[in-house]
Amino acid sequence: MTLSELAAELETDIVAFADAGLHAVTGVTADSRAVAPGMVFVALKGVKTDGAAFAAAAVEKGAVAIIAGLDAEIEALSVPVMRVADPHHALAKLAARLAGAQPETIVAVTGTSGKTSVAAFTRQIWAHCGYVAASLGTVGVVSPVLTEEGSLTTPDPVELHATLKTLADGGVTHAAMEASSHGLEQRRQLIAHQPAFAVERISGVAQFRMTRGEGFDHIAADRYFSHWA
């Protein structure tokens, strides 16, 4: 993928840096410490820090472009700054595009509790039916081709799509993964092509509201599930 192709996919432009459009994009990250030559740095605004503050450092390490929010404050740089309405969406989209392969069938499991068990049960049922299956979530990755311990219910998009590619390359055709509310808010799994979607304990919405406080109202039920429509 070139920067010109990336700009077209994100519906933004690099007019001021026309020559830069030929640069090949070798990777993407939202961690300025992980930037390597040829990569695109996505400046995400967090609760405590704003990725825009690390844009210059990313360029010094070889970033060929910066993706940032429409209102992100970034000084003039020697590489294009692509402005998008939703940097989280852009990160997930680019991570999926660069990773490439995914298991053919992906099921996401969300809810207040029980996500880990449901994902594991789904993997076991698929395996019993003869499919090469995997589960991803809080306990990590469990599959015949890759087993890793984990701690996050939903890893960041770059890690998630790299894992999905490894699984697909190893022959995994079916994957069940946990989808936390935090991961949904940040659109970490947005581009994973789930043809099926399991919601654990739909009756637990009241408990979810109580557990998350204002979180559920912030997402709103229709938006929460529209991420997967």
Protein backbone atom coordinates (compact mmCIF):
# COMPACT_ATOMS: atom_id res chain seq x y z
CA MET A 1 0.00 0.00 0.00
CA THR A 2 1.26 3.49 -0.88
CA LEU A 3 0.42 6.69 0.93
CA SER A 4 -1.76 7.75 -1.99
CA GLU A 5 -3.77 4.53 -1.70
CA LEU A 6 -4.02 5.00 2.05
CA ALA A 7 -5.25 8.58 1.66
CA ALA A 8 -7.90 7.46 -0.82
CA GLU A 9 -9.10 4.69 1.50
CA LEU A 10 -9.38 7.09 4.43
CA GLU A 11 -11.02 9.72 2.22
CA THR A 12 -8.39 12.32 3.03
CA ASP A 13 -5.58 13.82 0.99
CA ILE A 14 -1.85 14.55 0.86
CA VAL A 15 -2.00 17.33 -1.73
CA ALA A 16 0.73 19.37 -0.06
CA PHE A 17 3.04 16.35 -0.22
CA ALA A 18 2.28 14.96 -3.68
CA ASP A 19 5.66 13.26 -4.02
CA ALA A 20 5.12 11.44 -0.73
CA GLY A 21 2.23 9.52 -2.25
CA LEU A 22 4.62 6.99 -3.74
CA HIS A 23 6.01 5.99 -0.35
CA ALA A 24 5.21 2.39 0.57
CA VAL A 25 3.54 1.94 3.95
CA THR A 26 5.29 -0.84 5.85
CA GLY A 27 3.21 -0.80 9.02
CA VAL A 28 1.05 1.18 11.40
CA THR A 29 1.19 1.90 15.11
CA ALA A 30 -0.31 4.19 17.74
CA ASP A 31 2.83 3.84 19.89
CA SER A 32 5.53 6.33 18.91
CA ARG A 33 8.13 4.10 20.57
CA ALA A 34 7.32 1.31 18.10
CA VAL A 35 7.69 3.42 14.96
CA ALA A 36 10.14 2.15 12.35
CA PRO A 37 11.01 3.60 8.92
CA GLY A 38 8.08 3.38 6.51
CA MET A 39 5.38 3.17 9.16
CA VAL A 40 2.35 5.40 9.70
CA PHE A 41 1.81 6.81 13.19
CA VAL A 42 -1.78 7.24 14.37
CA ALA A 43 -2.09 9.95 17.00
CA LEU A 44 -4.83 8.78 19.36
CA LYS A 45 -6.16 11.05 22.07
CA GLY A 46 -6.28 9.26 25.39
CA VAL A 47 -7.49 10.14 28.87
CA LYS A 48 -4.06 11.17 30.14
CA THR A 49 -2.00 11.76 27.00
CA ASP A 50 -2.56 12.90 23.42
CA GLY A 51 -0.73 11.05 20.68
CA ALA A 52 -0.42 14.32 18.78
CA ALA A 53 2.29 15.33 21.25
CA PHE A 54 4.46 12.48 19.95
CA ALA A 55 3.99 13.12 16.23
CA ALA A 56 7.35 14.84 15.80
CA ALA A 57 9.12 12.02 17.64
CA ALA A 58 7.44 9.50 15.33
CA VAL A 59 8.70 11.38 12.27
CA GLU A 60 12.23 11.39 13.68
CA LYS A 61 12.03 7.59 13.92
CA GLY A 62 10.99 7.25 10.27
CA ALA A 63 7.20 7.64 10.11
CA VAL A 64 6.14 8.52 6.55
CA ALA A 65 2.80 10.01 7.61
CA ILE A 66 0.72 10.94 10.64
CA ILE A 67 -2.99 10.19 11.03
CA ALA A 68 -4.71 12.51 13.48
CA GLY A 69 -8.11 13.83 14.49
CA LEU A 70 -9.62 16.88 12.86
CA ASP A 71 -8.87 19.08 15.87
CA ALA A 72 -5.50 17.59 16.86
CA GLU A 73 -2.83 20.21 17.46
CA ILE A 74 0.25 19.17 15.50
CA GLU A 75 3.13 21.42 14.47
CA ALA A 76 4.29 21.62 10.86
CA LEU A 77 6.09 18.40 9.94
CA SER A 78 8.12 17.12 7.01
CA VAL A 79 5.56 14.37 6.30
CA PRO A 80 1.82 14.48 5.52
CA VAL A 81 -0.64 14.77 8.39
CA MET A 82 -3.87 13.04 7.35
CA ARG A 83 -6.89 14.42 9.18
CA VAL A 84 -9.76 12.02 9.88
CA ALA A 85 -12.94 12.21 11.93
CA ASP A 86 -12.20 8.99 13.84
CA PRO A 87 -8.52 8.04 14.31
CA HIS A 88 -9.51 4.82 16.13
CA HIS A 89 -11.45 3.72 13.06
CA ALA A 90 -8.52 4.63 10.82
CA LEU A 91 -6.11 2.60 12.96
CA ALA A 92 -8.32 -0.49 12.88
CA LYS A 93 -8.94 -0.15 9.15
CA LEU A 94 -5.27 0.25 8.30
CA ALA A 95 -4.20 -2.57 10.66
CA ALA A 96 -6.66 -4.93 8.98
CA ARG A 97 -5.62 -3.87 5.48
CA LEU A 98 -1.91 -4.32 6.14
CA ALA A 99 -2.34 -7.64 7.97
CA GLY A 100 -4.40 -9.16 5.18
CA ALA A 101 -5.60 -12.66 6.00
CA GLN A 102 -8.19 -13.51 8.65
CA PRO A 103 -10.05 -16.70 9.58
CA GLU A 104 -13.08 -17.11 7.33
CA THR A 105 -15.56 -17.08 10.21
CA ILE A 106 -15.19 -14.83 13.24
CA VAL A 107 -17.64 -14.65 16.13
CA ALA A 108 -17.42 -11.89 18.74
CA VAL A 109 -18.80 -12.34 22.26
CA THR A 110 -19.73 -9.40 24.45
CA GLY A 111 -21.59 -8.91 27.71
CA THR A 112 -21.04 -8.24 31.40
CA SER A 113 -19.60 -11.63 32.31
CA GLY A 114 -19.05 -15.02 30.75
CA LYS A 115 -17.30 -13.83 27.59
CA THR A 116 -14.24 -16.02 28.17
CA SER A 117 -16.33 -19.15 28.75
CA VAL A 118 -18.60 -18.57 25.75
CA ALA A 119 -15.62 -17.95 23.45
CA ALA A 120 -13.95 -21.14 24.72
CA PHE A 121 -17.13 -23.20 24.37
CA THR A 122 -17.57 -21.93 20.81
CA ARG A 123 -14.02 -22.94 19.92
CA GLN A 124 -14.54 -26.39 21.43
CA ILE A 125 -17.82 -26.91 19.56
CA TRP A 126 -16.20 -25.94 16.27
CA ALA A 127 -13.25 -28.24 16.94
CA HIS A 128 -15.65 -31.10 17.72
CA CYS A 129 -17.30 -30.45 14.34
CA GLY A 130 -13.95 -30.80 12.60
CA TYR A 131 -13.02 -27.15 12.09
CA VAL A 132 -9.61 -25.70 12.91
CA ALA A 133 -10.69 -23.18 15.54
CA ALA A 134 -9.28 -20.59 17.91
CA SER A 135 -10.46 -18.43 20.79
CA LEU A 136 -9.03 -15.03 21.74
CA GLY A 137 -9.55 -12.97 24.86
CA THR A 138 -8.61 -12.45 28.47
CA VAL A 139 -6.70 -15.73 28.79
CA GLY A 140 -4.89 -15.13 25.51
CA VAL A 141 -5.00 -17.14 22.30
CA VAL A 142 -5.91 -20.83 22.28
CA SER A 143 -5.64 -22.77 19.02
CA PRO A 144 -3.83 -25.72 17.45
CA VAL A 145 -1.39 -23.38 15.68
CA LEU A 146 -0.83 -20.65 18.27
CA THR A 147 -1.16 -20.50 22.05
CA GLU A 148 -0.29 -17.31 23.91
CA GLU A 149 -1.11 -16.06 27.38
CA GLY A 150 -2.83 -12.68 27.55
CA SER A 151 -4.26 -10.14 29.95
CA LEU A 152 -6.41 -7.83 27.84
CA THR A 153 -9.92 -8.83 26.82
CA THR A 154 -9.47 -6.98 23.54
CA PRO A 155 -5.92 -6.25 22.32
CA ASP A 156 -5.14 -3.16 20.27
CA PRO A 157 -6.01 -3.37 16.55
CA VAL A 158 -2.44 -3.87 15.37
CA GLU A 159 -1.87 -6.82 17.70
CA LEU A 160 -5.34 -8.22 17.03
CA HIS A 161 -5.02 -8.26 13.25
CA ALA A 162 -1.46 -9.59 13.38
CA THR A 163 -2.77 -12.47 15.50
CA LEU A 164 -5.69 -13.10 13.14
CA LYS A 165 -3.27 -13.26 10.21
CA THR A 166 -1.02 -15.74 12.06
CA LEU A 167 -4.04 -17.91 12.80
CA ALA A 168 -5.29 -17.77 9.21
CA ASP A 169 -1.84 -18.53 7.81
CA GLY A 170 -1.71 -21.54 10.13
CA GLY A 171 -4.98 -22.92 8.81
CA VAL A 172 -7.46 -21.64 11.39
CA THR A 173 -10.84 -21.09 9.70
CA HIS A 174 -13.00 -20.25 12.72
CA ALA A 175 -12.25 -17.84 15.57
CA ALA A 176 -14.28 -16.74 18.60
CA MET A 177 -13.09 -13.62 20.36
CA GLU A 178 -14.16 -11.60 23.35
CA ALA A 179 -15.34 -8.05 22.69
CA SER A 180 -15.11 -5.77 25.71
CA SER A 181 -17.11 -2.56 25.97
CA HIS A 182 -13.82 -0.65 26.06
CA GLY A 183 -12.68 -2.37 22.88
CA LEU A 184 -15.98 -1.57 21.19
CA GLU A 185 -15.75 2.09 22.19
CA GLN A 186 -12.29 2.26 20.65
CA ARG A 187 -13.41 0.27 17.60
CA ARG A 188 -10.55 -2.19 18.03
CA GLN A 189 -12.37 -5.00 16.21
CA LEU A 190 -14.29 -2.82 13.79
CA ILE A 191 -12.78 -4.20 10.60
CA ALA A 192 -12.65 -7.86 11.59
CA HIS A 193 -15.27 -9.38 9.30
CA GLN A 194 -17.59 -11.14 11.74
CA PRO A 195 -20.27 -12.93 9.71
CA ALA A 196 -21.76 -14.02 13.05
CA PHE A 197 -22.08 -12.28 16.39
CA ALA A 198 -22.91 -13.78 19.79
CA VAL A 199 -24.20 -11.60 22.61
CA GLU A 200 -23.74 -13.23 26.02
CA ARG A 201 -26.57 -12.59 28.47
CA ILE A 202 -28.64 -9.95 26.75
CA SER A 203 -30.67 -9.92 29.99
CA GLY A 204 -27.60 -8.55 31.74
CA VAL A 205 -27.99 -5.05 30.29
CA ALA A 206 -29.15 -3.68 33.66
CA GLN A 207 -26.13 -5.21 35.37
CA PHE A 208 -23.88 -3.83 32.63
CA ARG A 209 -25.35 -0.36 33.16
CA MET A 210 -24.74 -0.63 36.91
CA THR A 211 -21.20 -1.94 36.47
CA ARG A 212 -20.14 0.64 33.92
CA GLY A 213 -21.94 3.59 35.49
CA GLU A 214 -22.31 6.21 32.79
CA GLY A 215 -20.43 4.05 30.31
CA PHE A 216 -23.47 2.36 28.83
CA ASP A 217 -25.35 5.65 28.47
CA HIS A 218 -22.27 7.10 26.78
CA ILE A 219 -22.21 4.33 24.21
CA ALA A 220 -26.02 4.07 23.93
CA ALA A 221 -27.50 0.67 23.18
CA ASP A 222 -28.09 1.32 19.48
CA ARG A 223 -24.54 2.58 18.96
CA TYR A 224 -23.10 -0.28 21.03
CA PHE A 225 -24.55 -2.89 18.73
CA SER A 226 -24.30 -0.81 15.52
CA HIS A 227 -20.52 -1.29 15.69
CA TRP A 228 -21.24 -4.83 14.51
CA ALA A 229 -24.04 -4.21 12.02
